[in-house]
């Protein structure tokens, strides 16, 4: 049991140590909140334009296996959005999952007036800061978009993302990102400017139901940690750790019994081999003794015969 607990804590020492901002705190910070739509699906038939100028059906990004990080921004935002993207890039660099392989990142501007050129510039800037984006597959897993009023409104409504235009031409909007399942269902919200890589990993594991787990450690994380809405972070579940401990105990007992059983079989074989070797040696010794006696008798007969004549 102690081994199981130590293993889980060593795998994820910070999973419950950092708390993201809550929805109310984000509203206080920026004046607008998110109306969480957990379990809702994004519009898969919505059409957006990517940074290459191609029209893309949103559902084409959801393959049934790969979770998605969705970020709503506007590219000419003077302060908030650049910080969100910069902080997200830094977190993804620490994450041992790779865009395009383990997850996809979709960035969508909610300002219908923004152009493809702006999307391309922001994507280029983001990729420059993403150290795992050297491979083309990982670059393809990061897409920036623009859209029209109708499709933008459908998307923001599906995830509960609100924004308000200001008199100076800027927008007031939440500081958040959404985690979507491989089928486009909203599974998790992350608020504020800080996105700890361990929180991202656990969120992506949850969204994919553990399908993207790359190791036994990841599977233990997914099994033993659950998101606690009251704490605003993932926390370890004692009962699940006990289950892991019980399983490890059973496995160790089975391994121990197997080693003892195999050891006993080996010892028995060695004992039998030793007995057979001892019997063979005794048999050889008896044969040699019999041959020697026979030879001696024959020699004595010849000697006696010679003496009489």
Protein backbone atom coordinates (compact mmCIF):
# COMPACT_ATOMS: atom_id res chain seq x y z
CA UNK A 1 0.00 0.00 0.00
CA UNK A 2 2.78 2.42 0.90
CA UNK A 3 4.54 1.52 -2.35
CA UNK A 4 1.41 2.37 -4.34
CA UNK A 5 0.93 5.71 -2.59
CA UNK A 6 4.60 6.64 -3.01
CA UNK A 7 4.51 5.68 -6.67
CA UNK A 8 1.50 7.88 -7.43
CA UNK A 9 2.87 10.84 -5.46
CA UNK A 10 6.25 10.59 -7.19
CA UNK A 11 4.59 10.46 -10.58
CA UNK A 12 2.51 13.60 -9.99
CA UNK A 13 3.88 15.65 -7.10
CA UNK A 14 2.24 18.90 -8.22
CA UNK A 15 -1.07 17.64 -9.54
CA UNK A 16 -2.94 18.93 -6.52
CA UNK A 17 -0.53 21.62 -5.45
CA UNK A 18 -1.55 24.39 -7.84
CA UNK A 19 -4.98 25.90 -8.07
CA UNK A 20 -6.26 27.55 -11.23
CA UNK A 21 -8.48 30.60 -11.04
CA UNK A 22 -12.15 29.89 -10.56
CA UNK A 23 -14.89 31.19 -12.82
CA UNK A 24 -15.95 33.92 -10.37
CA UNK A 25 -12.38 35.14 -9.97
CA UNK A 26 -12.03 35.44 -13.72
CA UNK A 27 -15.19 37.54 -13.85
CA UNK A 28 -13.81 39.83 -11.16
CA UNK A 29 -10.56 40.07 -13.08
CA UNK A 30 -11.95 40.81 -16.53
CA UNK A 31 -15.65 41.60 -16.13
CA UNK A 32 -17.03 38.65 -18.12
CA UNK A 33 -17.55 35.04 -17.07
CA UNK A 34 -17.99 31.69 -18.75
CA UNK A 35 -21.30 29.89 -18.48
CA UNK A 36 -19.93 26.37 -18.29
CA UNK A 37 -21.50 23.91 -20.71
CA UNK A 38 -19.90 20.69 -19.53
CA UNK A 39 -21.12 17.75 -21.59
CA UNK A 40 -22.25 19.96 -24.44
CA UNK A 41 -20.86 19.43 -27.96
CA UNK A 42 -19.31 22.09 -30.17
CA UNK A 43 -20.94 22.54 -33.62
CA UNK A 44 -19.05 20.01 -35.76
CA UNK A 45 -20.62 21.35 -38.96
CA UNK A 46 -19.50 24.93 -38.32
CA UNK A 47 -17.18 26.35 -40.98
CA UNK A 48 -14.04 28.37 -40.14
CA UNK A 49 -11.10 29.61 -42.19
CA UNK A 50 -7.63 28.44 -41.16
CA UNK A 51 -4.41 30.44 -41.35
CA UNK A 52 -3.78 29.16 -44.90
CA UNK A 53 -7.06 30.61 -46.09
CA UNK A 54 -8.79 27.23 -46.39
CA UNK A 55 -12.35 26.73 -45.21
CA UNK A 56 -12.45 23.92 -42.66
CA UNK A 57 -15.40 22.07 -41.19
CA UNK A 58 -14.83 22.10 -37.45
CA UNK A 59 -15.74 18.43 -37.11
CA UNK A 60 -12.73 17.42 -39.24
CA UNK A 61 -10.51 18.03 -36.21
CA UNK A 62 -12.30 15.45 -34.07
CA UNK A 63 -11.16 11.94 -34.95
CA UNK A 64 -12.60 10.01 -31.99
CA UNK A 65 -9.15 9.42 -30.46
CA UNK A 66 -7.41 12.76 -29.94
CA UNK A 67 -8.57 15.36 -27.38
CA UNK A 68 -8.61 19.04 -28.29
CA UNK A 69 -7.62 22.25 -26.51
CA UNK A 70 -9.85 25.12 -27.65
CA UNK A 71 -8.82 28.73 -27.10
CA UNK A 72 -11.08 31.68 -27.93
CA UNK A 73 -9.14 34.93 -28.50
CA UNK A 74 -8.97 37.91 -30.79
CA UNK A 75 -5.64 38.44 -32.49
CA UNK A 76 -5.39 42.21 -32.06
CA UNK A 77 -5.96 42.00 -28.32
CA UNK A 78 -3.38 44.33 -26.74
CA UNK A 79 -2.70 42.44 -23.49
CA UNK A 80 -4.78 39.46 -22.38
CA UNK A 81 -4.82 37.15 -25.42
CA UNK A 82 -1.06 37.36 -26.13
CA UNK A 83 -0.39 36.44 -22.48
CA UNK A 84 -2.84 33.51 -22.66
CA UNK A 85 -1.15 32.12 -25.80
CA UNK A 86 2.34 32.72 -24.41
CA UNK A 87 1.55 30.98 -21.12
CA UNK A 88 -0.12 28.10 -22.94
CA UNK A 89 2.93 27.66 -25.17
CA UNK A 90 5.21 27.55 -22.11
CA UNK A 91 2.98 24.93 -20.45
CA UNK A 92 2.85 22.79 -23.58
CA UNK A 93 6.65 22.85 -23.75
CA UNK A 94 6.74 21.21 -20.30
CA UNK A 95 4.05 18.69 -21.20
CA UNK A 96 5.34 15.29 -22.33
CA UNK A 97 2.54 15.05 -24.89
CA UNK A 98 3.00 16.38 -28.41
CA UNK A 99 0.57 18.40 -30.50
CA UNK A 100 -0.66 16.50 -33.53
CA UNK A 101 0.07 13.16 -31.88
CA UNK A 102 -1.52 13.24 -28.44
CA UNK A 103 -3.77 16.31 -28.70
CA UNK A 104 -4.77 19.15 -31.03
CA UNK A 105 -4.79 22.85 -30.32
CA UNK A 106 -7.46 24.96 -32.00
CA UNK A 107 -7.38 28.73 -31.67
CA UNK A 108 -10.41 30.66 -32.94
CA UNK A 109 -10.88 34.41 -33.13
CA UNK A 110 -14.27 35.59 -31.92
CA UNK A 111 -13.85 38.90 -33.80
CA UNK A 112 -15.46 38.36 -37.21
CA UNK A 113 -13.56 41.33 -38.64
CA UNK A 114 -10.12 39.76 -38.19
CA UNK A 115 -8.31 38.41 -41.24
CA UNK A 116 -6.44 35.28 -42.28
CA UNK A 117 -3.23 37.31 -42.31
CA UNK A 118 -3.62 38.00 -38.59
CA UNK A 119 -4.30 34.31 -37.91
CA UNK A 120 -1.19 33.30 -39.86
CA UNK A 121 0.97 35.80 -37.99
CA UNK A 122 -0.25 34.62 -34.57
CA UNK A 123 0.20 30.97 -35.51
CA UNK A 124 3.75 31.62 -36.70
CA UNK A 125 4.54 33.42 -33.47
CA UNK A 126 3.06 30.58 -31.41
CA UNK A 127 4.99 27.90 -33.29
CA UNK A 128 8.22 29.85 -32.81
CA UNK A 129 7.73 29.49 -29.07
CA UNK A 130 6.59 25.87 -29.15
CA UNK A 131 9.77 23.84 -28.86
CA UNK A 132 8.10 20.55 -29.85
CA UNK A 133 6.78 21.97 -33.11
CA UNK A 134 9.76 21.06 -35.28
CA UNK A 135 8.05 18.01 -36.77
CA UNK A 136 5.43 18.76 -39.42
CA UNK A 137 2.87 16.49 -37.75
CA UNK A 138 3.04 18.51 -34.53
CA UNK A 139 2.78 21.78 -36.47
CA UNK A 140 -0.30 20.45 -38.24
CA UNK A 141 -1.83 19.76 -34.84
CA UNK A 142 -1.91 23.50 -34.07
CA UNK A 143 -4.44 25.52 -36.09
CA UNK A 144 -5.52 29.18 -35.93
CA UNK A 145 -8.84 30.31 -37.40
CA UNK A 146 -11.11 33.17 -38.27
CA UNK A 147 -14.85 32.96 -38.93
CA UNK A 148 -18.07 34.77 -39.73
CA UNK A 149 -20.63 36.01 -37.24
CA UNK A 150 -22.94 33.00 -37.49
CA UNK A 151 -20.32 30.29 -36.97
CA UNK A 152 -18.50 32.22 -34.27
CA UNK A 153 -21.75 32.71 -32.36
CA UNK A 154 -22.59 29.02 -32.64
CA UNK A 155 -19.19 28.05 -31.26
CA UNK A 156 -19.08 30.49 -28.35
CA UNK A 157 -22.64 29.61 -27.35
CA UNK A 158 -21.81 25.90 -27.32
CA UNK A 159 -19.00 26.43 -24.82
CA UNK A 160 -20.60 29.30 -22.88
CA UNK A 161 -17.92 31.83 -23.79
CA UNK A 162 -19.20 35.44 -23.52
CA UNK A 163 -17.55 38.62 -24.81
CA UNK A 164 -18.55 42.26 -24.94
CA UNK A 165 -17.29 45.03 -27.26
CA UNK A 166 -15.86 48.09 -25.54
CA UNK A 167 -16.03 51.73 -26.59
CA UNK A 168 -12.35 51.75 -27.54
CA UNK A 169 -12.79 48.94 -30.08
CA UNK A 170 -11.44 46.22 -27.80
CA UNK A 171 -13.33 43.38 -26.14
CA UNK A 172 -13.98 42.29 -22.60
CA UNK A 173 -13.86 38.49 -22.48
CA UNK A 174 -13.10 35.58 -20.11
CA UNK A 175 -9.56 34.36 -19.52
CA UNK A 176 -10.03 30.67 -20.11
CA UNK A 177 -9.54 27.71 -22.38
CA UNK A 178 -11.66 24.62 -22.91
CA UNK A 179 -10.72 20.96 -23.13
CA UNK A 180 -12.81 18.96 -25.60
CA UNK A 181 -13.18 15.22 -25.99
CA UNK A 182 -12.14 13.46 -29.22
CA UNK A 183 -15.79 13.70 -30.27
CA UNK A 184 -16.17 17.40 -29.52
CA UNK A 185 -17.73 17.30 -26.05
CA UNK A 186 -16.77 19.96 -23.48
CA UNK A 187 -15.07 18.14 -20.60
CA UNK A 188 -13.06 20.77 -18.70
CA UNK A 189 -12.49 24.53 -18.30
CA UNK A 190 -9.21 26.11 -17.23
CA UNK A 191 -9.26 29.72 -16.06
CA UNK A 192 -6.67 32.43 -15.65
CA UNK A 193 -3.20 32.89 -17.12
CA UNK A 194 -1.48 29.87 -15.59
CA UNK A 195 -1.94 26.39 -17.08
CA UNK A 196 0.24 23.92 -15.13
CA UNK A 197 1.43 21.15 -17.41
CA UNK A 198 0.28 18.50 -14.94
CA UNK A 199 -3.23 19.96 -14.92
CA UNK A 200 -3.20 19.96 -18.72
CA UNK A 201 -2.08 16.34 -18.79
CA UNK A 202 -4.80 15.22 -16.38
CA UNK A 203 -7.41 17.23 -18.31
CA UNK A 204 -6.37 15.66 -21.62
CA UNK A 205 -6.34 12.19 -20.06
CA UNK A 206 -9.85 12.78 -18.75
CA UNK A 207 -11.07 14.09 -22.10
CA UNK A 208 -9.73 11.02 -23.91
CA UNK A 209 -10.82 8.64 -21.11
CA UNK A 210 -7.20 7.61 -20.72
CA UNK A 211 -6.71 6.63 -24.37
CA UNK A 212 -3.67 8.86 -24.84
CA UNK A 213 -1.88 7.46 -21.76
CA UNK A 214 1.67 6.83 -22.93
CA UNK A 215 2.89 4.87 -19.92
CA UNK A 216 1.85 2.98 -16.81
CA UNK A 217 2.52 6.17 -14.85
CA UNK A 218 -0.03 8.07 -16.96
CA UNK A 219 -2.59 5.32 -16.40
CA UNK A 220 -2.01 5.52 -12.64
CA UNK A 221 -2.46 9.29 -12.79
CA UNK A 222 -5.71 8.97 -14.67
CA UNK A 223 -6.98 6.33 -12.27
CA UNK A 224 -5.92 7.95 -9.00
CA UNK A 225 -6.61 11.65 -9.64
CA UNK A 226 -9.99 13.31 -10.12
CA UNK A 227 -10.92 16.94 -10.62
CA UNK A 228 -12.33 18.58 -7.52
CA UNK A 229 -14.53 21.57 -8.50
CA UNK A 230 -14.50 22.94 -4.95
CA UNK A 231 -10.70 23.01 -4.87
CA UNK A 232 -10.32 24.07 -8.49
CA UNK A 233 -7.71 21.39 -9.17
CA UNK A 234 -7.09 17.67 -9.37
CA UNK A 235 -6.68 15.78 -6.13
CA UNK A 236 -5.69 12.24 -5.29
CA UNK A 237 -8.47 9.78 -4.48
CA UNK A 238 -7.55 7.71 -1.41
CA UNK A 239 -9.91 4.86 -2.28
CA UNK A 240 -8.39 4.48 -5.74
CA UNK A 241 -4.88 4.46 -4.27
CA UNK A 242 -6.03 1.72 -1.91
CA UNK A 243 -7.30 -0.23 -4.91
CA UNK A 244 -3.94 0.15 -6.63
CA UNK A 245 -2.20 -0.91 -3.41
CA UNK A 246 -4.41 -3.99 -3.11
CA UNK A 247 -3.72 -4.91 -6.72
CA UNK A 248 0.02 -4.48 -6.25
CA UNK A 249 -0.15 -6.62 -3.11
CA UNK A 250 -1.92 -9.42 -5.00
CA UNK A 251 0.57 -9.17 -7.85
CA UNK A 252 3.53 -9.31 -5.46
CA UNK A 253 2.04 -12.30 -3.65
CA UNK A 254 1.51 -14.12 -6.96
CA UNK A 255 5.06 -13.31 -8.04
CA UNK A 256 6.43 -14.48 -4.68
CA UNK A 257 4.47 -17.74 -4.78
CA UNK A 258 5.55 -18.31 -8.38
CA UNK A 259 9.21 -17.80 -7.45
CA UNK A 260 8.85 -20.19 -4.50
CA UNK A 261 7.07 -22.79 -6.65
CA UNK A 262 9.65 -22.55 -9.43
CA UNK A 263 12.46 -22.66 -6.88
CA UNK A 264 11.01 -25.80 -5.32
CA UNK A 265 10.76 -27.44 -8.74
CA UNK A 266 14.37 -26.56 -9.51
CA UNK A 267 15.52 -27.88 -6.15
CA UNK A 268 13.54 -31.11 -6.69
CA UNK A 269 15.06 -31.59 -10.13
CA UNK A 270 18.54 -31.00 -8.75
CA UNK A 271 17.86 -33.46 -5.92
CA UNK A 272 16.61 -36.13 -8.34
CA UNK A 273 19.59 -35.52 -10.63
CA UNK A 274 21.91 -35.85 -7.62
CA UNK A 275 20.29 -39.15 -6.61
CA UNK A 276 20.55 -40.51 -10.13
CA UNK A 277 24.19 -39.48 -10.33
CA UNK A 278 24.86 -41.14 -6.95
CA UNK A 279 23.16 -44.35 -8.08
CA UNK A 280 25.14 -44.33 -11.31
CA UNK A 281 28.38 -43.90 -9.36
CA UNK A 282 27.45 -46.76 -7.01
CA UNK A 283 26.58 -48.96 -9.96
CA UNK A 284 29.88 -48.19 -11.68
CA UNK A 285 31.79 -48.90 -8.45
CA UNK A 286 29.99 -52.25 -7.99
CA UNK A 287 30.77 -53.24 -11.57
CA UNK A 288 34.44 -52.36 -11.18
CA UNK A 289 34.66 -54.37 -7.91
CA UNK A 290 33.03 -57.40 -9.53
CA UNK A 291 35.41 -57.29 -12.49
CA UNK A 292 38.40 -57.06 -10.17
CA UNK A 293 37.28 -60.11 -8.15
CA UNK A 294 36.72 -62.16 -11.26
CA UNK A 295 40.16 -61.36 -12.60
CA UNK A 296 41.80 -62.26 -9.28
CA UNK A 297 40.05 -65.63 -9.20
CA UNK A 298 41.08 -66.47 -12.70
CA UNK A 299 44.71 -65.59 -12.02
CA UNK A 300 44.76 -67.72 -8.88
CA UNK A 301 43.49 -70.73 -10.82
CA UNK A 302 46.16 -70.40 -13.41
CA UNK A 303 48.83 -70.16 -10.73
CA UNK A 304 47.67 -73.19 -8.85
CA UNK A 305 47.44 -75.23 -12.02
CA UNK A 306 50.96 -74.37 -12.93
CA UNK A 307 52.28 -75.46 -9.51
CA UNK A 308 50.69 -78.96 -9.68
CA UNK A 309 52.21 -79.76 -13.01
